[in-house]
Amino acid sequence: MIQRFSFLRIVLIALISTASISSYAAPNVGCPGDFAFTYTSQASVDESFSDYLRAFRTTENGCAITSTTDLSTFSAPSFTGGSVTIIFEATDCNGTERCTATFTALEDCTGKASAIPVCPGNMTLTNCMSDAEAMASFQSWLEGFGHTGGCNVTTTDLSTYSPPGCGGTTEVTYEVTSMGVTVGCTAFFAIPAEVAAPGPSVPTMGEWGIICLFLIFAIIGIVELKKSYSILQTK
C-alpha cells in the first residue's frame, strides 16, 4: 500500500509539473514598424539604423530565453536607396517566436527626372525549339528591359513571364515608377509553329510529259532492237 501511494504521488507530481510547463507560451518578441526615410549621407543612415535595431526586444514568458537573432550581423542600406528586412526570432523551452520589420533608405530625388523605360525590339525566332532552348533565348531577351534615370525606381517583375510554346507569342508590358510617375513600354517574343516534314514529291505536268516521252522512245528502241535481232537470225 505504501509503495502504491508513493507511485501515485510521483505520477501526480509529474502531471502537475507538465501542466505548469505547458501553460507557458513561447517568448514575447517585439519588432518596430516598417520604416522609410530620405537621407542625404551614409552617416545619417548608419545612425538611424542603429537606433532602429535597439527597438527590437524580447521578454521571458515562463522560462529563460535561450537564443535570439544576432542583430549585429545586419548593416544599414546605402543612403542612395535600399532596404533591409529583419526576421527577429527568440527561443525558449516552449518554442520560437518571430516578427519581421523592414528599414528603407530612400534616395534623395531633388532635381532628378522620372525614369524612362527601355524595351528590347520585338523578337520572332526562326524556328520552333526545345523548352530549354526557348527559355534560354527568352531570358536573354528579357535582359534588354531596363530604364534610364529616375529616383527610387520600382519596375515590373519580369519573373512572372515565361516563353510561349511553338506557334505562340508572349507580350511583355514593362513599367517603371519613380517620383509618383509610371511609364511603360511593350514588346513581344514569338516562336513559329513547328513545320511538318515534307511528304513525297509529286511530279508536275511538265515532268510527267518528259517521263512519257522517255517511255515512248524506250519502247520504240526495244521494238527496233527486236526487229534487227530477228533479221539477223533469218540470214
Protein backbone atom coordinates (compact mmCIF):
# COMPACT_ATOMS: atom_id res chain seq x y z
CA MET A 1 0.00 0.00 0.00
CA ILE A 2 2.82 2.40 0.85
CA GLN A 3 4.60 1.63 -2.42
CA ARG A 4 1.39 2.17 -4.40
CA PHE A 5 0.79 5.52 -2.67
CA SER A 6 4.33 6.65 -3.45
CA PHE A 7 3.91 5.72 -7.11
CA LEU A 8 0.62 7.61 -7.41
CA ARG A 9 2.21 10.59 -5.73
CA ILE A 10 5.06 10.61 -8.24
CA VAL A 11 2.61 10.41 -11.16
CA LEU A 12 0.51 13.25 -9.71
CA ILE A 13 3.55 15.47 -9.22
CA ALA A 14 4.66 14.77 -12.80
CA LEU A 15 1.23 15.68 -14.17
CA ILE A 16 1.16 18.91 -12.18
CA SER A 17 4.66 19.81 -13.38
CA THR A 18 3.73 19.11 -17.02
CA ALA A 19 0.61 21.22 -16.73
CA SER A 20 2.63 24.07 -15.26
CA ILE A 21 5.17 23.97 -18.09
CA SER A 22 2.56 23.72 -20.85
CA SER A 23 0.73 26.74 -19.51
CA TYR A 24 3.62 28.94 -20.59
CA ALA A 25 3.71 30.28 -24.16
CA ALA A 26 6.68 31.00 -26.39
CA PRO A 27 8.71 34.12 -25.53
CA ASN A 28 7.38 37.58 -26.30
CA VAL A 29 9.15 39.35 -29.18
CA GLY A 30 8.69 42.89 -30.38
CA CYS A 31 9.64 44.45 -33.71
CA PRO A 32 9.47 48.14 -34.62
CA GLY A 33 7.19 49.05 -37.51
CA ASP A 34 8.46 49.26 -41.07
CA PHE A 35 10.41 52.48 -41.55
CA ALA A 36 11.33 54.57 -44.62
CA PHE A 37 13.09 57.92 -44.81
CA THR A 38 15.07 60.02 -47.28
CA TYR A 39 18.73 60.52 -46.38
CA THR A 40 21.48 62.69 -47.80
CA SER A 41 24.52 60.97 -46.22
CA GLN A 42 25.61 57.48 -45.21
CA ALA A 43 26.46 58.62 -41.69
CA SER A 44 22.87 59.69 -41.05
CA VAL A 45 21.58 56.33 -42.31
CA ASP A 46 24.01 54.38 -40.11
CA GLU A 47 23.00 56.32 -37.02
CA SER A 48 19.29 55.94 -37.72
CA PHE A 49 19.70 52.20 -38.41
CA SER A 50 21.50 51.67 -35.09
CA ASP A 51 18.60 53.33 -33.27
CA TYR A 52 16.18 51.14 -35.24
CA LEU A 53 17.95 47.92 -34.14
CA ARG A 54 17.65 48.92 -30.48
CA ALA A 55 13.86 48.91 -30.85
CA PHE A 56 13.79 45.10 -31.21
CA ARG A 57 13.06 43.42 -27.86
CA THR A 58 12.27 40.14 -26.12
CA THR A 59 10.75 39.25 -22.73
CA GLU A 60 10.59 35.89 -20.98
CA ASN A 61 7.29 34.10 -20.80
CA GLY A 62 7.71 31.33 -18.22
CA CYS A 63 11.25 30.10 -18.86
CA ALA A 64 14.60 31.56 -19.82
CA ILE A 65 15.24 32.64 -23.40
CA THR A 66 18.00 30.50 -24.88
CA SER A 67 18.69 32.30 -28.18
CA THR A 68 17.77 35.43 -30.13
CA THR A 69 18.62 36.74 -33.60
CA ASP A 70 22.07 38.35 -33.70
CA LEU A 71 21.25 41.87 -34.88
CA SER A 72 24.94 42.76 -35.22
CA THR A 73 25.02 40.83 -38.50
CA PHE A 74 22.77 43.43 -40.18
CA SER A 75 24.17 46.51 -41.90
CA ALA A 76 22.45 49.72 -42.88
CA PRO A 77 21.47 50.13 -46.56
CA SER A 78 23.06 52.74 -48.81
CA PHE A 79 21.78 56.28 -48.45
CA THR A 80 21.27 56.33 -52.24
CA GLY A 81 18.44 53.83 -51.84
CA GLY A 82 17.96 50.36 -50.42
CA SER A 83 16.22 48.33 -47.74
CA VAL A 84 16.99 45.72 -45.08
CA THR A 85 14.37 43.22 -43.90
CA ILE A 86 14.99 41.67 -40.46
CA ILE A 87 13.34 38.46 -39.27
CA PHE A 88 13.74 38.64 -35.49
CA GLU A 89 13.44 35.38 -33.50
CA ALA A 90 13.62 34.35 -29.85
CA THR A 91 13.60 30.79 -28.48
CA ASP A 92 12.92 29.36 -25.01
CA CYS A 93 11.91 25.97 -23.63
CA ASN A 94 8.40 26.37 -25.08
CA GLY A 95 9.32 27.22 -28.66
CA THR A 96 10.29 30.04 -31.01
CA GLU A 97 8.50 33.29 -31.72
CA ARG A 98 9.34 35.72 -34.52
CA CYS A 99 8.40 39.04 -36.10
CA THR A 100 9.56 40.93 -39.19
CA ALA A 101 10.43 44.57 -39.89
CA THR A 102 11.92 46.48 -42.83
CA PHE A 103 14.16 49.56 -42.76
CA THR A 104 14.28 51.51 -46.04
CA ALA A 105 16.57 54.36 -47.08
CA LEU A 106 15.05 56.39 -49.90
CA GLU A 107 17.15 58.17 -52.47
CA ASP A 108 17.09 61.99 -52.42
CA CYS A 109 15.20 62.85 -55.60
CA THR A 110 15.77 66.60 -55.52
CA GLY A 111 16.30 67.89 -59.06
CA LYS A 112 16.03 64.46 -60.68
CA ALA A 113 13.72 63.45 -63.52
CA SER A 114 11.41 60.46 -63.54
CA ALA A 115 12.61 57.16 -65.04
CA ILE A 116 12.22 56.26 -68.72
CA PRO A 117 11.59 52.58 -69.56
CA VAL A 118 13.71 50.75 -72.14
CA CYS A 119 12.27 47.76 -74.04
CA PRO A 120 14.10 45.45 -76.48
CA GLY A 121 12.82 45.09 -80.01
CA ASN A 122 10.16 42.53 -80.86
CA MET A 123 11.69 39.08 -81.45
CA THR A 124 10.47 36.20 -83.59
CA LEU A 125 12.66 33.12 -83.59
CA THR A 126 13.50 31.47 -86.90
CA ASN A 127 12.18 28.02 -85.92
CA CYS A 128 10.50 26.00 -83.18
CA MET A 129 12.85 24.66 -80.50
CA SER A 130 13.03 22.68 -77.27
CA ASP A 131 11.73 24.10 -73.97
CA ALA A 132 15.28 24.59 -72.65
CA GLU A 133 16.41 26.44 -75.80
CA ALA A 134 13.27 28.61 -75.79
CA MET A 135 13.79 29.54 -72.12
CA ALA A 136 17.44 30.46 -72.72
CA SER A 137 16.53 32.69 -75.67
CA PHE A 138 13.64 34.25 -73.74
CA GLN A 139 15.77 35.02 -70.66
CA SER A 140 18.42 36.62 -72.87
CA TRP A 141 15.71 38.75 -74.49
CA LEU A 142 14.33 39.83 -71.09
CA GLU A 143 17.73 41.27 -70.20
CA GLY A 144 17.02 44.01 -72.74
CA PHE A 145 14.35 45.55 -70.47
CA GLY A 146 15.51 48.32 -68.18
CA HIS A 147 15.29 52.05 -67.56
CA THR A 148 17.29 55.22 -67.62
CA GLY A 149 17.27 57.96 -64.99
CA GLY A 150 14.69 58.14 -62.27
CA CYS A 151 14.82 58.08 -58.50
CA ASN A 152 13.56 55.41 -56.05
CA VAL A 153 12.53 53.37 -59.07
CA THR A 154 10.28 50.31 -58.94
CA THR A 155 9.85 48.11 -62.02
CA THR A 156 7.65 45.30 -63.34
CA ASP A 157 8.60 41.86 -62.01
CA LEU A 158 9.69 40.08 -65.19
CA SER A 159 9.97 36.70 -63.41
CA THR A 160 6.21 36.30 -63.87
CA TYR A 161 6.65 35.95 -67.64
CA SER A 162 7.55 32.74 -69.50
CA PRO A 163 8.24 31.93 -73.16
CA PRO A 164 5.39 30.75 -75.39
CA GLY A 165 5.11 27.35 -76.98
CA CYS A 166 5.65 26.74 -80.68
CA GLY A 167 3.27 28.91 -82.66
CA GLY A 168 2.67 31.27 -79.71
CA THR A 169 3.54 34.81 -78.60
CA THR A 170 4.32 36.32 -75.19
CA GLU A 171 3.72 40.04 -74.85
CA VAL A 172 5.56 41.86 -72.05
CA THR A 173 4.42 45.21 -70.71
CA TYR A 174 7.27 46.76 -68.73
CA GLU A 175 6.52 49.64 -66.37
CA VAL A 176 8.80 51.81 -64.26
CA THR A 177 7.56 54.03 -61.45
CA SER A 178 9.54 56.85 -59.88
CA MET A 179 8.63 60.07 -58.12
CA GLY A 180 4.95 59.28 -58.48
CA VAL A 181 5.13 58.82 -62.27
CA THR A 182 4.57 55.47 -64.05
CA VAL A 183 5.69 54.97 -67.66
CA GLY A 184 5.67 51.74 -69.65
CA CYS A 185 6.58 50.12 -72.96
CA THR A 186 5.60 46.83 -74.63
CA ALA A 187 7.41 44.21 -76.71
CA PHE A 188 6.61 40.65 -77.81
CA PHE A 189 8.53 37.40 -78.16
CA ALA A 190 7.22 34.87 -80.71
CA ILE A 191 8.09 31.29 -81.65
CA PRO A 192 6.91 29.98 -85.04
CA ALA A 193 4.81 26.84 -85.34
CA GLU A 194 6.54 23.53 -85.86
CA VAL A 195 6.76 22.75 -89.60
CA ALA A 196 5.68 19.26 -90.63
CA ALA A 197 8.19 17.14 -92.53
CA PRO A 198 7.65 17.37 -96.31
CA GLY A 199 5.83 14.41 -97.94
CA PRO A 200 6.93 12.61 -101.11
CA SER A 201 7.07 14.94 -104.10
CA VAL A 202 4.55 14.53 -106.92
CA PRO A 203 5.77 15.15 -110.48
CA THR A 204 4.39 18.22 -112.23
CA MET A 205 2.60 18.11 -115.60
CA GLY A 206 5.82 19.06 -117.36
CA GLU A 207 7.73 16.33 -115.54
CA TRP A 208 5.03 13.79 -116.44
CA GLY A 209 5.41 14.79 -120.14
CA ILE A 210 9.16 14.18 -120.04
CA ILE A 211 8.61 10.82 -118.34
CA CYS A 212 6.06 9.80 -121.01
CA LEU A 213 8.37 10.78 -123.89
CA PHE A 214 11.19 8.80 -122.30
CA LEU A 215 8.96 5.73 -122.02
CA ILE A 216 7.77 6.08 -125.66
CA PHE A 217 11.32 6.32 -127.00
CA ALA A 218 12.35 3.42 -124.80
CA ILE A 219 9.53 1.26 -126.17
CA ILE A 220 10.36 2.23 -129.78
CA GLY A 221 14.00 1.40 -129.16
CA ILE A 222 13.13 -2.01 -127.76
CA VAL A 223 10.84 -2.77 -130.75
CA GLU A 224 13.50 -1.75 -133.29
CA LEU A 225 16.10 -3.79 -131.43
CA LYS A 226 13.89 -6.89 -131.65
CA LYS A 227 13.35 -6.33 -135.40
CA SER A 228 17.06 -6.08 -136.01
CA TYR A 229 17.69 -9.23 -134.00
CA SER A 230 15.02 -11.15 -135.98
CA ILE A 231 16.54 -10.10 -139.32
CA LEU A 232 19.96 -11.28 -138.25
CA GLN A 233 18.61 -14.69 -137.27
CA THR A 234 16.89 -15.26 -140.68
CA LYS A 235 20.09 -14.62 -142.66
